[in-house]
N, C-alpha and C. Protein backbone atom coordinates (compact mmCIF):
# COMPACT_ATOMS: atom_id res chain seq x y z
N UNK A 1 4.86 30.97 10.75
CA UNK A 1 4.75 31.34 12.15
C UNK A 1 4.96 32.85 12.28
N UNK A 2 4.27 33.44 13.22
CA UNK A 2 4.37 34.87 13.47
C UNK A 2 5.76 35.23 13.98
N UNK A 3 6.16 36.48 13.79
CA UNK A 3 7.49 36.91 14.24
C UNK A 3 7.39 38.12 15.15
N UNK A 4 8.09 38.03 16.26
CA UNK A 4 8.25 39.15 17.19
C UNK A 4 9.69 39.61 17.04
N UNK A 5 9.88 40.91 16.93
CA UNK A 5 11.21 41.48 16.78
C UNK A 5 11.59 42.21 18.06
N UNK A 6 12.77 41.92 18.55
CA UNK A 6 13.30 42.62 19.72
C UNK A 6 14.52 43.40 19.27
N UNK A 7 14.48 44.70 19.47
CA UNK A 7 15.65 45.54 19.22
C UNK A 7 16.43 45.62 20.51
N UNK A 8 17.69 45.28 20.44
CA UNK A 8 18.51 45.08 21.62
C UNK A 8 19.92 45.58 21.33
N UNK A 9 20.79 45.44 22.33
CA UNK A 9 22.22 45.68 22.09
C UNK A 9 23.01 44.80 23.03
N UNK A 10 24.22 44.51 22.61
CA UNK A 10 25.11 43.67 23.42
C UNK A 10 25.41 44.35 24.75
N UNK A 11 25.44 43.55 25.80
CA UNK A 11 25.78 44.07 27.11
C UNK A 11 24.64 44.77 27.82
N UNK A 12 23.45 44.74 27.24
CA UNK A 12 22.29 45.40 27.84
C UNK A 12 21.59 44.41 28.77
N UNK A 13 21.68 44.66 30.06
CA UNK A 13 21.06 43.75 31.03
C UNK A 13 19.54 43.71 30.89
N UNK A 14 18.91 44.86 30.69
CA UNK A 14 17.45 44.89 30.50
C UNK A 14 17.05 44.05 29.29
N UNK A 15 17.85 44.10 28.24
CA UNK A 15 17.57 43.32 27.03
C UNK A 15 17.64 41.83 27.34
N UNK A 16 18.66 41.43 28.04
CA UNK A 16 18.82 40.02 28.39
C UNK A 16 17.66 39.51 29.23
N UNK A 17 17.24 40.29 30.20
CA UNK A 17 16.14 39.91 31.07
C UNK A 17 14.84 39.79 30.27
N UNK A 18 14.59 40.77 29.41
CA UNK A 18 13.37 40.76 28.61
C UNK A 18 13.34 39.54 27.69
N UNK A 19 14.42 39.28 26.98
CA UNK A 19 14.46 38.15 26.05
C UNK A 19 14.30 36.83 26.79
N UNK A 20 14.92 36.72 27.93
CA UNK A 20 14.82 35.50 28.74
C UNK A 20 13.37 35.23 29.15
N UNK A 21 12.61 36.27 29.44
CA UNK A 21 11.20 36.10 29.82
C UNK A 21 10.30 35.93 28.60
N UNK A 22 10.67 36.55 27.49
CA UNK A 22 9.84 36.50 26.28
C UNK A 22 9.86 35.13 25.62
N UNK A 23 11.00 34.50 25.53
CA UNK A 23 11.12 33.24 24.81
C UNK A 23 10.15 32.16 25.28
N UNK A 24 10.08 31.86 26.57
CA UNK A 24 9.12 30.83 26.98
C UNK A 24 7.65 31.28 26.83
N UNK A 25 7.41 32.57 26.91
CA UNK A 25 6.05 33.11 26.77
C UNK A 25 5.48 32.85 25.38
N UNK A 26 6.31 32.97 24.35
CA UNK A 26 5.82 32.86 22.98
C UNK A 26 6.18 31.53 22.31
N UNK A 27 6.85 30.65 23.02
CA UNK A 27 7.26 29.36 22.44
C UNK A 27 6.06 28.66 21.81
N UNK A 28 6.23 28.25 20.56
CA UNK A 28 5.17 27.57 19.84
C UNK A 28 4.13 28.49 19.22
N UNK A 29 4.20 29.78 19.53
CA UNK A 29 3.24 30.76 19.01
C UNK A 29 3.88 31.74 18.04
N UNK A 30 5.17 32.03 18.28
CA UNK A 30 5.86 33.02 17.44
C UNK A 30 7.36 32.77 17.50
N UNK A 31 8.03 33.21 16.47
CA UNK A 31 9.49 33.19 16.46
C UNK A 31 9.98 34.55 16.94
N UNK A 32 11.07 34.55 17.66
CA UNK A 32 11.65 35.79 18.16
C UNK A 32 12.91 36.07 17.37
N UNK A 33 12.97 37.26 16.80
CA UNK A 33 14.14 37.70 16.05
C UNK A 33 14.76 38.87 16.82
N UNK A 34 16.01 38.72 17.21
CA UNK A 34 16.69 39.76 17.98
C UNK A 34 17.61 40.54 17.05
N UNK A 35 17.42 41.85 17.01
CA UNK A 35 18.22 42.72 16.16
C UNK A 35 19.10 43.62 17.04
N UNK A 36 20.38 43.58 16.80
CA UNK A 36 21.32 44.45 17.51
C UNK A 36 21.24 45.85 16.90
N UNK A 37 20.78 46.83 17.67
CA UNK A 37 20.60 48.18 17.14
C UNK A 37 21.91 48.80 16.67
N UNK A 38 23.02 48.31 17.19
CA UNK A 38 24.30 48.89 16.79
C UNK A 38 24.81 48.32 15.47
N UNK A 39 24.09 47.35 14.90
CA UNK A 39 24.55 46.75 13.65
C UNK A 39 24.08 47.51 12.41
N UNK A 40 23.11 48.42 12.59
CA UNK A 40 22.60 49.21 11.46
C UNK A 40 22.34 50.64 11.92
N UNK A 41 22.84 51.60 11.16
CA UNK A 41 22.64 53.00 11.55
C UNK A 41 21.17 53.39 11.71
N UNK A 42 20.30 52.86 10.87
CA UNK A 42 18.88 53.24 10.97
C UNK A 42 18.24 52.71 12.25
N UNK A 43 18.68 51.54 12.71
CA UNK A 43 18.16 51.01 13.98
C UNK A 43 18.72 51.82 15.15
N UNK A 44 20.00 52.17 15.07
CA UNK A 44 20.61 52.96 16.14
C UNK A 44 19.93 54.32 16.22
N UNK A 45 19.63 54.93 15.05
CA UNK A 45 18.94 56.22 15.03
C UNK A 45 17.52 56.12 15.59
N UNK A 46 16.85 55.03 15.27
CA UNK A 46 15.46 54.86 15.69
C UNK A 46 15.33 54.53 17.17
N UNK A 47 16.24 53.70 17.68
CA UNK A 47 16.07 53.18 19.04
C UNK A 47 17.13 53.66 20.03
N UNK A 48 18.29 54.08 19.54
CA UNK A 48 19.32 54.64 20.40
C UNK A 48 19.47 53.93 21.73
N UNK A 49 19.21 54.65 22.80
CA UNK A 49 19.32 54.10 24.15
C UNK A 49 17.98 53.58 24.67
N UNK A 50 16.99 53.49 23.80
CA UNK A 50 15.64 53.10 24.20
C UNK A 50 15.40 51.59 24.13
N UNK A 51 16.44 50.80 24.23
CA UNK A 51 16.30 49.35 24.14
C UNK A 51 16.11 48.74 25.52
N UNK A 52 15.48 47.61 25.60
CA UNK A 52 14.92 46.82 24.52
C UNK A 52 13.55 47.33 24.07
N UNK A 53 13.25 47.07 22.81
CA UNK A 53 11.95 47.40 22.22
C UNK A 53 11.42 46.12 21.59
N UNK A 54 10.17 45.80 21.86
CA UNK A 54 9.52 44.62 21.29
C UNK A 54 8.47 45.09 20.29
N UNK A 55 8.59 44.58 19.05
CA UNK A 55 7.63 44.95 18.01
C UNK A 55 6.99 43.70 17.43
N UNK A 56 5.75 43.87 17.02
CA UNK A 56 5.00 42.79 16.38
C UNK A 56 4.12 43.43 15.32
N UNK A 57 4.24 42.97 14.09
CA UNK A 57 3.44 43.54 13.02
C UNK A 57 3.70 45.02 12.82
N UNK A 58 4.93 45.45 13.08
CA UNK A 58 5.29 46.85 12.91
C UNK A 58 4.88 47.75 14.05
N UNK A 59 4.24 47.19 15.06
CA UNK A 59 3.75 47.98 16.20
C UNK A 59 4.58 47.70 17.45
N UNK A 60 4.94 48.74 18.18
CA UNK A 60 5.68 48.58 19.43
C UNK A 60 4.71 48.04 20.49
N UNK A 61 5.11 46.90 21.07
CA UNK A 61 4.29 46.29 22.13
C UNK A 61 4.77 46.71 23.51
N UNK A 62 6.07 46.84 23.67
CA UNK A 62 6.62 47.26 24.95
C UNK A 62 8.05 47.72 24.77
N UNK A 63 8.51 48.43 25.78
CA UNK A 63 9.86 48.99 25.76
C UNK A 63 10.40 48.96 27.19
N UNK A 64 11.66 48.63 27.31
CA UNK A 64 12.39 48.53 28.58
C UNK A 64 12.03 47.28 29.39
N UNK A 65 10.73 47.03 29.59
CA UNK A 65 10.29 45.86 30.35
C UNK A 65 9.25 45.11 29.53
N UNK A 66 9.21 43.80 29.71
CA UNK A 66 8.25 42.97 28.99
C UNK A 66 6.84 43.22 29.51
N UNK A 67 5.94 43.49 28.58
CA UNK A 67 4.51 43.57 28.89
C UNK A 67 3.90 42.29 28.34
N UNK A 68 3.88 41.25 29.16
CA UNK A 68 3.41 39.93 28.72
C UNK A 68 1.98 39.99 28.22
N UNK A 69 1.14 40.77 28.87
CA UNK A 69 -0.26 40.87 28.44
C UNK A 69 -0.36 41.46 27.03
N UNK A 70 0.41 42.50 26.75
CA UNK A 70 0.39 43.11 25.42
C UNK A 70 0.88 42.13 24.36
N UNK A 71 1.89 41.36 24.67
CA UNK A 71 2.42 40.38 23.72
C UNK A 71 1.37 39.31 23.45
N UNK A 72 0.76 38.78 24.49
CA UNK A 72 -0.25 37.73 24.32
C UNK A 72 -1.47 38.24 23.57
N UNK A 73 -1.89 39.48 23.85
CA UNK A 73 -3.02 40.06 23.13
C UNK A 73 -2.69 40.20 21.64
N UNK A 74 -1.49 40.66 21.34
CA UNK A 74 -1.09 40.84 19.94
C UNK A 74 -1.06 39.50 19.21
N UNK A 75 -0.52 38.49 19.85
CA UNK A 75 -0.46 37.16 19.22
C UNK A 75 -1.86 36.58 19.01
N UNK A 76 -2.79 36.96 19.86
CA UNK A 76 -4.17 36.48 19.74
C UNK A 76 -4.98 37.30 18.72
N UNK A 77 -4.34 38.34 18.18
CA UNK A 77 -5.02 39.17 17.20
C UNK A 77 -5.83 40.30 17.78
N UNK A 78 -5.66 40.53 19.07
CA UNK A 78 -6.37 41.63 19.72
C UNK A 78 -5.54 42.90 19.62
N UNK A 79 -6.20 44.03 19.69
CA UNK A 79 -5.48 45.32 19.64
C UNK A 79 -5.04 45.74 20.97
């Protein structure tokens, strides 16, 4: 199954809202892996205060707010 990665941090309200909307959108199409940016220095350096970030296939699909259309296009194999 395909994997979507969300870079997040604890206590981030925007992150919670995005993940809550993302999970039902991709259910049965992709697994969602949530990475706490504060758990690894390289993630903290890369994303800092720019969370949440949604990536698929190494490409950023959206940041701060869920772009449902971009996620669905990526899962369908569209650019």
